[in-house]
Structures are given as C-alpha cells and as structure tokens.
Amino acid sequence: MRIPLPLALALLASPAPAQFLMNDFDGSQGWEELPISIDTAAANTWQTGPPQKPFFASSYSPVNALVTDTIAPVPPGNISRFTILMPTDPWDMWPEFFLNFQQKYDLDAQHAGAFIEVSYDTGATWMNVFDDWVNPPVTQFFDEQWDQVLPDTLSNGEVGFTGLSGSSAVQPRWVWSSFCWVQTGIPLPDTVRLRFTCYTDSAATQREGWMLDDFQYMVGLTHPISDYMKEDLSLRVAPNPMADHLFIAYDTELGDTPVRVDVLDATGRRVRTLVDQRQPAGRHSMILRRDELPGTGGLFFLHAIVDGEHRTARFLVRD
C-alpha cells in the first residue's frame, strides 16, 4: 500500500480499534476478511483479478482488485452491483466507525457514473449514502497528489463519481476514500449494507469503468487519518454550476474554532446560515440542496468566517 511513511507511523501509533476487517482481494491481508457479495445478475461485470486495461493496469496493492471486468471496457446499457456487509455488533462500545478504500474510475460523465447506497433494513430499502438521514457519514476523498476529490451529481440524478478520478485530466488516479459514522445511539441491525453501483446508459462510450481495492473496516476511538491531513484554511465547492446538490468543504486548524458559513445572493444579502458554532480542528464537509435556496437560479456566494479569517467562494445555480 502506498501510504506515506509519516502517515504510516502515525497510524501505527493511533489507538487500536475494537474491530478491523480488510479485503484486498488477494487473501493475504492477515486480518479477518470484510464480507463482499457480488450481484449474480447475468449482466453484472464486477470481477476480482489482476486488472489488464490501459488505465487500469494494476491494482492498488498486488495483485488483485475488484473491477468492472478486468479486461473489457464497461458496456453501454449496463448496471453492475456489489454489496459490502459491515457488522455492527461492536458499534455500541465505540464512538466512531469507518470504511476506507481505494478507488479509480474512468466513466463517460454525460452517460455513466458510480454511486453508493446504504441500507439499514437488510437490503429491503436503499438510499444514497450522501443522503443518509439515519446516520449521515463524514466523507473524505483524496487522490495520489493529496488533492481533494468531491462527489458530483450524475446523469441519472444520483450523487456519486464520474469522469476521470482525481485531479488529473490525462488519466485517472487512485482516490483514497473514507466514510466515517459517529455513533448516535440509534438502534441498528446486526449488519449495515453498502451497495456499490456502476451504471451506463445506452449512449455511453465504452470506458474502463470502476476499480476498487484495499477495503478496511475499523471501529475505534479516533479517525485514523484526518489529524494528519490538515491544510491552511480553504473553502471548496463542487459541482459548479450546481444542479441538485452542492458539496462544501473547509478546514479548521485549531480546536474549539468559531465558524460561521453563510449563503449570500448576488446582491450580498444573506439567504441562509449553514454553520454558526465552534468546531474541532480538522476537515469539515456538508451538502447544500437546491430546495434550500430561493429563486430560479443564478449567482450565489458562500461566505465563511473561521476564527476571524474570511473566505468566499462563488457558485452558479442552474435554472
């Protein structure tokens, strides 16, 4: 695994989790394996093995990965799924639980995408993980250059990932991806399911699809990486222009930091306050939905004051 040495040392020094499950698709991780169930539908393209494509030429850790076909491009008019099964029996004893993994995607942004859903009722109903109202996770996505990656609104209306992964416009990069749930005391089933779906419509060009590797499921006391990835304060929004969702991310350097985040209209008038509280150090993210904004569209501003420092980002709202 390509983890920087300082980060690796920090991870080793962090408190041991109550449970650690991993699946690197090689059968050699030395830990109990995280259960993964691949859909048995005839058209399902998910395969485990060594990837052999121009962009998907190698797994993240040797030698296997989970890929939408290890050799062929993803076909048009296709829906392929697999499900992660996360046991919840230790959650009531620990405040935080995480699912981390590496992903790479090469998809037609106009006609294809990848999204993740969560089910709390053994798969009877599903909701997009970014719309999870039962226990909304904190998410973090960084490519190999440690540039942040934000989800997008897909052509089918779901929120997820499309285009080329990472910040490169030439070829996709691996993206370290993390979902962190904080224990709220809400009763949960013995297993929470996460379903990963890669879809293409009939007009989609044949691209390499979606590849994932090195799943890690942890239950413990503190987030295993966020403390080591602090940056100077910045304010980031995506997608821009905004359709249905706007993802907002910013950083706080110090603990107990006063934070206020407002949405302003084109005249500078405050139309909504998103945050007005003290927050701990680290990276923070939220989702602004279209129905939370007035009018039919146009120019808006996001104005943040973090520990007295002002930041502004502008974004457009589609009609």
Protein backbone atom coordinates (compact mmCIF):
# COMPACT_ATOMS: atom_id res chain seq x y z
CA MET A 1 0.00 0.00 0.00
CA ARG A 2 1.33 3.42 -0.96
CA ILE A 3 0.87 5.22 2.37
CA PRO A 4 3.44 7.98 3.09
CA LEU A 5 5.88 7.00 5.84
CA PRO A 6 4.88 9.76 8.31
CA LEU A 7 1.25 8.77 7.93
CA ALA A 8 2.06 5.09 8.33
CA LEU A 9 3.94 5.77 11.57
CA ALA A 10 1.05 7.88 12.83
CA LEU A 11 -1.42 5.12 12.07
CA LEU A 12 0.69 2.62 13.97
CA ALA A 13 0.73 4.93 16.96
CA SER A 14 -3.04 5.51 16.98
CA PRO A 15 -5.34 3.69 19.41
CA ALA A 16 -6.11 0.14 18.37
CA PRO A 17 -9.64 -0.33 17.03
CA ALA A 18 -12.04 -2.76 18.57
CA GLN A 19 -12.51 -4.48 15.23
CA PHE A 20 -10.53 -4.46 11.98
CA LEU A 21 -11.76 -6.18 8.81
CA MET A 22 -9.99 -5.92 5.47
CA ASN A 23 -10.41 -7.16 1.93
CA ASP A 24 -7.57 -6.66 -0.56
CA PHE A 25 -8.85 -9.44 -2.86
CA ASP A 26 -5.56 -11.30 -2.51
CA GLY A 27 -6.39 -13.46 0.51
CA SER A 28 -3.16 -12.42 2.19
CA GLN A 29 -4.11 -9.47 4.39
CA GLY A 30 -3.64 -11.36 7.65
CA TRP A 31 -6.89 -9.98 9.05
CA GLU A 32 -10.44 -11.23 9.16
CA GLU A 33 -11.93 -10.64 5.72
CA LEU A 34 -14.60 -7.98 5.18
CA PRO A 35 -17.60 -9.72 3.55
CA ILE A 36 -18.38 -8.61 -0.01
CA SER A 37 -21.27 -10.00 -2.06
CA ILE A 38 -21.19 -9.60 -5.85
CA ASP A 39 -24.55 -9.44 -7.63
CA THR A 40 -25.26 -12.63 -9.56
CA ALA A 41 -27.24 -10.92 -12.36
CA ALA A 42 -26.16 -12.14 -15.79
CA ALA A 43 -25.15 -8.64 -16.95
CA ASN A 44 -23.08 -7.91 -13.84
CA THR A 45 -19.49 -7.06 -14.85
CA TRP A 46 -17.75 -7.00 -11.44
CA GLN A 47 -14.76 -9.34 -11.36
CA THR A 48 -11.89 -9.96 -8.97
CA GLY A 49 -8.43 -10.35 -10.50
CA PRO A 50 -5.39 -8.56 -11.92
CA PRO A 51 -6.64 -5.57 -13.98
CA GLN A 52 -5.39 -5.56 -17.58
CA LYS A 53 -6.52 -2.31 -19.17
CA PRO A 54 -4.62 0.80 -20.39
CA PHE A 55 -5.61 2.97 -17.39
CA PHE A 56 -6.49 0.12 -15.06
CA ALA A 57 -3.14 -1.61 -15.48
CA SER A 58 -2.51 -2.62 -11.87
CA SER A 59 -4.31 -2.96 -8.56
CA TYR A 60 -3.56 -0.62 -5.66
CA SER A 61 -1.84 -3.42 -3.73
CA PRO A 62 -0.65 -6.51 -5.65
CA VAL A 63 -2.13 -8.30 -7.35
CA ASN A 64 -5.94 -8.31 -7.47
CA ALA A 65 -8.64 -5.66 -7.38
CA LEU A 66 -12.42 -5.57 -7.79
CA VAL A 67 -13.07 -4.25 -11.32
CA THR A 68 -15.96 -3.80 -13.74
CA ASP A 69 -14.36 -6.53 -15.89
CA THR A 70 -10.62 -6.98 -15.54
CA ILE A 71 -10.05 -6.84 -19.32
CA ALA A 72 -13.03 -5.47 -21.26
CA PRO A 73 -14.43 -1.92 -21.14
CA VAL A 74 -17.73 -1.36 -19.36
CA PRO A 75 -20.53 -1.91 -21.91
CA PRO A 76 -23.35 0.57 -22.64
CA GLY A 77 -26.76 -0.03 -21.08
CA ASN A 78 -25.35 -1.82 -18.06
CA ILE A 79 -25.97 -1.88 -14.29
CA SER A 80 -23.42 -3.75 -12.15
CA ARG A 81 -23.51 -4.02 -8.35
CA PHE A 82 -21.80 -5.47 -5.31
CA THR A 83 -22.52 -5.08 -1.60
CA ILE A 84 -20.29 -4.60 1.45
CA LEU A 85 -21.57 -6.18 4.68
CA MET A 86 -20.49 -4.26 7.82
CA PRO A 87 -21.16 -6.00 11.17
CA THR A 88 -22.48 -3.61 13.82
CA ASP A 89 -22.06 -5.69 16.98
CA PRO A 90 -19.12 -3.60 18.35
CA TRP A 91 -20.54 -0.19 17.40
CA ASP A 92 -22.30 0.43 20.72
CA MET A 93 -18.96 0.31 22.58
CA TRP A 94 -17.02 2.74 20.34
CA PRO A 95 -17.89 6.27 19.19
CA GLU A 96 -16.72 6.08 15.56
CA PHE A 97 -16.61 3.51 12.78
CA PHE A 98 -15.05 3.79 9.33
CA LEU A 99 -14.96 2.25 5.89
CA ASN A 100 -11.87 3.21 3.91
CA PHE A 101 -10.93 2.06 0.40
CA GLN A 102 -9.05 3.00 -2.75
CA GLN A 103 -10.97 3.69 -5.95
CA LYS A 104 -10.21 4.61 -9.54
CA TYR A 105 -12.84 5.42 -12.16
CA ASP A 106 -12.93 6.19 -15.88
CA LEU A 107 -16.54 6.87 -16.92
CA ASP A 108 -18.45 8.90 -19.51
CA ALA A 109 -19.58 11.89 -17.45
CA GLN A 110 -22.64 12.51 -19.64
CA HIS A 111 -23.93 8.95 -19.65
CA ALA A 112 -22.38 6.90 -16.83
CA GLY A 113 -21.49 7.04 -13.16
CA ALA A 114 -20.72 5.25 -9.91
CA PHE A 115 -22.70 5.67 -6.71
CA ILE A 116 -23.02 4.09 -3.26
CA GLU A 117 -26.20 3.34 -1.32
CA VAL A 118 -26.79 2.31 2.29
CA SER A 119 -29.43 0.00 3.75
CA TYR A 120 -30.36 -0.32 7.42
CA ASP A 121 -33.09 -2.94 6.85
CA THR A 122 -31.15 -5.90 5.38
CA GLY A 123 -31.48 -4.60 1.83
CA ALA A 124 -35.26 -4.03 1.74
CA THR A 125 -34.76 -0.30 1.03
CA TRP A 126 -31.75 1.73 -0.09
CA MET A 127 -30.78 5.40 -0.03
CA ASN A 128 -27.80 7.23 -1.47
CA VAL A 129 -25.09 7.35 1.18
CA PHE A 130 -24.78 11.13 0.67
CA ASP A 131 -28.49 11.47 1.51
CA ASP A 132 -28.28 9.22 4.59
CA TRP A 133 -30.64 10.77 7.16
CA VAL A 134 -30.36 7.89 9.64
CA ASN A 135 -26.65 8.38 10.36
CA PRO A 136 -25.02 10.83 7.88
CA PRO A 137 -21.33 9.95 7.43
CA VAL A 138 -18.41 12.35 7.28
CA THR A 139 -16.64 11.78 3.97
CA GLN A 140 -13.08 12.40 2.76
CA PHE A 141 -11.67 11.76 -0.72
CA PHE A 142 -8.06 12.49 -1.75
CA ASP A 143 -6.14 11.48 -4.85
CA GLU A 144 -2.49 10.42 -5.03
CA GLN A 145 -1.35 14.06 -5.11
CA TRP A 146 -3.38 14.69 -1.92
CA ASP A 147 -5.78 16.88 -3.88
CA GLN A 148 -9.32 16.70 -2.57
CA VAL A 149 -11.94 14.99 -4.73
CA LEU A 150 -15.62 15.88 -4.34
CA PRO A 151 -18.63 13.83 -5.49
CA ASP A 152 -20.84 15.06 -8.33
CA THR A 153 -24.45 14.87 -9.47
CA LEU A 154 -24.60 12.07 -12.04
CA SER A 155 -26.59 11.87 -15.26
CA ASN A 156 -29.21 9.66 -13.54
CA GLY A 157 -29.71 12.17 -10.69
CA GLU A 158 -27.77 10.19 -8.09
CA VAL A 159 -24.81 11.70 -6.25
CA GLY A 160 -21.54 9.86 -6.80
CA PHE A 161 -18.47 9.75 -9.04
CA THR A 162 -17.92 10.09 -12.79
CA GLY A 163 -15.40 11.26 -15.37
CA LEU A 164 -11.74 10.66 -14.52
CA SER A 165 -10.89 10.07 -10.86
CA GLY A 166 -8.52 12.52 -9.22
CA SER A 167 -7.31 15.93 -10.32
CA SER A 168 -5.56 14.79 -13.50
CA ALA A 169 -7.21 15.48 -16.87
CA VAL A 170 -4.97 12.94 -18.61
CA GLN A 171 -5.71 9.67 -16.85
CA PRO A 172 -7.50 8.56 -13.68
CA ARG A 173 -5.70 8.49 -10.33
CA TRP A 174 -6.30 6.38 -7.25
CA VAL A 175 -8.55 8.15 -4.74
CA TRP A 176 -8.32 7.33 -1.03
CA SER A 177 -11.95 7.29 0.12
CA SER A 178 -13.30 7.34 3.67
CA PHE A 179 -16.75 7.18 5.24
CA CYS A 180 -16.88 7.89 8.98
CA TRP A 181 -20.02 7.30 11.02
CA VAL A 182 -20.33 8.70 14.56
CA GLN A 183 -22.35 6.58 16.99
CA THR A 184 -25.69 8.25 17.75
CA GLY A 185 -27.39 5.53 19.78
CA ILE A 186 -29.99 4.82 17.08
CA PRO A 187 -30.83 1.09 17.11
CA LEU A 188 -29.24 -0.65 14.14
CA PRO A 189 -29.48 -4.12 12.59
CA ASP A 190 -26.64 -6.58 13.09
CA THR A 191 -25.33 -5.71 9.60
CA VAL A 192 -25.33 -2.42 7.70
CA ARG A 193 -25.09 -2.85 3.92
CA LEU A 194 -23.36 -0.56 1.43
CA ARG A 195 -24.21 -1.20 -2.23
CA PHE A 196 -21.83 -0.03 -4.96
CA THR A 197 -23.41 0.52 -8.40
CA CYS A 198 -21.72 1.31 -11.71
CA TYR A 199 -24.18 2.20 -14.47
CA THR A 200 -24.04 3.19 -18.14
CA ASP A 201 -26.90 4.28 -20.37
CA SER A 202 -27.36 3.20 -23.98
CA ALA A 203 -25.40 6.20 -25.30
CA ALA A 204 -22.37 5.77 -23.06
CA THR A 205 -18.98 5.36 -24.68
CA GLN A 206 -17.00 2.30 -23.68
CA ARG A 207 -14.67 3.40 -20.88
CA GLU A 208 -12.72 1.37 -18.36
CA GLY A 209 -15.30 1.67 -15.59
CA TRP A 210 -14.71 1.47 -11.83
CA MET A 211 -11.94 -0.27 -9.88
CA LEU A 212 -11.68 -0.64 -6.09
CA ASP A 213 -9.11 -2.15 -3.74
CA ASP A 214 -7.96 -2.39 -0.13
CA PHE A 215 -11.23 -2.10 1.77
CA GLN A 216 -10.70 -1.51 5.50
CA TYR A 217 -13.47 -1.53 8.09
CA MET A 218 -12.48 -0.16 11.51
CA VAL A 219 -14.23 0.61 14.77
CA GLY A 220 -12.36 2.76 17.25
CA LEU A 221 -11.83 5.98 19.17
CA THR A 222 -10.50 8.49 16.64
CA HIS A 223 -10.42 8.99 12.89
CA PRO A 224 -7.30 7.23 11.57
CA ILE A 225 -6.16 9.89 9.11
CA SER A 226 -7.85 13.29 9.44
CA ASP A 227 -5.43 14.57 12.10
CA TYR A 228 -2.53 14.13 9.68
CA MET A 229 -4.04 15.89 6.68
CA LYS A 230 -4.61 19.45 7.94
CA GLU A 231 -4.10 22.24 5.40
CA ASP A 232 -4.39 26.01 5.52
CA LEU A 233 -7.97 27.21 5.68
CA SER A 234 -9.67 26.94 2.32
CA LEU A 235 -13.24 26.84 1.08
CA ARG A 236 -14.17 24.44 -1.71
CA VAL A 237 -17.46 23.87 -3.53
CA ALA A 238 -18.49 21.35 -6.20
CA PRO A 239 -20.12 20.79 -8.62
CA ASN A 240 -20.19 24.30 -10.05
CA PRO A 241 -22.65 25.11 -11.62
CA MET A 242 -24.88 23.46 -9.02
CA ALA A 243 -27.82 21.31 -10.07
CA ASP A 244 -29.36 19.44 -7.12
CA HIS A 245 -26.52 19.30 -4.58
CA LEU A 246 -23.53 21.46 -3.69
CA PHE A 247 -20.71 19.84 -1.70
CA ILE A 248 -18.89 22.24 0.62
CA ALA A 249 -15.58 21.56 2.35
CA TYR A 250 -13.31 23.68 4.57
CA ASP A 251 -10.60 23.23 7.21
CA THR A 252 -10.06 24.43 10.76
CA GLU A 253 -6.54 24.47 12.16
CA LEU A 254 -7.36 24.75 15.86
CA GLY A 255 -9.82 23.11 18.19
CA ASP A 256 -12.88 24.98 19.52
CA THR A 257 -12.74 27.30 16.49
CA PRO A 258 -15.62 29.76 15.92
CA VAL A 259 -17.07 29.08 12.46
CA ARG A 260 -19.84 30.80 10.52
CA VAL A 261 -20.81 29.84 6.96
CA ASP A 262 -23.49 31.85 5.12
CA VAL A 263 -25.04 31.70 1.67
CA LEU A 264 -25.39 35.12 0.04
CA ASP A 265 -27.36 36.05 -3.09
CA ALA A 266 -25.95 38.08 -5.98
CA THR A 267 -26.62 41.35 -4.08
CA GLY A 268 -24.73 40.16 -1.00
CA ARG A 269 -27.89 39.56 1.05
CA ARG A 270 -27.71 36.59 3.43
CA VAL A 271 -30.27 33.97 2.44
CA ARG A 272 -29.19 31.07 4.65
CA THR A 273 -26.82 30.32 7.52
CA LEU A 274 -25.30 26.83 7.25
CA VAL A 275 -22.95 26.86 10.28
CA ASP A 276 -22.75 29.12 13.33
CA GLN A 277 -20.88 27.27 16.07
CA ARG A 278 -17.50 26.30 17.45
CA GLN A 279 -15.93 23.30 15.76
CA PRO A 280 -12.97 20.98 16.38
CA ALA A 281 -9.81 21.03 14.29
CA GLY A 282 -9.85 19.15 11.01
CA ARG A 283 -11.70 18.95 7.71
CA HIS A 284 -15.42 19.66 7.64
CA SER A 285 -17.95 18.99 4.88
CA MET A 286 -21.64 19.47 4.25
CA ILE A 287 -24.23 19.33 1.48
CA LEU A 288 -26.39 22.27 0.34
CA ARG A 289 -29.50 21.16 -1.56
CA ARG A 290 -31.19 23.12 -4.32
CA ASP A 291 -34.52 23.33 -2.48
CA GLU A 292 -32.77 25.20 0.36
CA LEU A 293 -32.13 28.17 -1.96
CA PRO A 294 -34.65 30.79 -3.11
CA GLY A 295 -35.47 31.78 -6.68
CA THR A 296 -34.94 30.06 -10.00
CA GLY A 297 -31.13 30.07 -10.13
CA GLY A 298 -28.28 32.44 -10.85
CA LEU A 299 -25.20 33.56 -8.94
CA PHE A 300 -24.70 32.91 -5.22
CA PHE A 301 -21.78 33.28 -2.81
CA LEU A 302 -20.60 31.13 0.06
CA HIS A 303 -19.01 33.24 2.79
CA ALA A 304 -17.10 31.60 5.64
CA ILE A 305 -15.55 33.16 8.72
CA VAL A 306 -13.23 30.74 10.50
CA ASP A 307 -11.50 32.07 13.62
CA GLY A 308 -11.86 35.61 12.24
CA GLU A 309 -10.48 34.76 8.79
CA HIS A 310 -12.81 35.38 5.83
CA ARG A 311 -13.14 33.17 2.75
CA THR A 312 -15.58 33.45 -0.16
CA ALA A 313 -16.49 31.07 -2.97
CA ARG A 314 -18.92 31.85 -5.78
CA PHE A 315 -21.18 29.31 -7.43
CA LEU A 316 -23.92 29.25 -10.05
CA VAL A 317 -27.29 27.55 -9.63
CA ARG A 318 -28.85 26.11 -12.77
CA ASP A 319 -32.41 27.18 -13.60
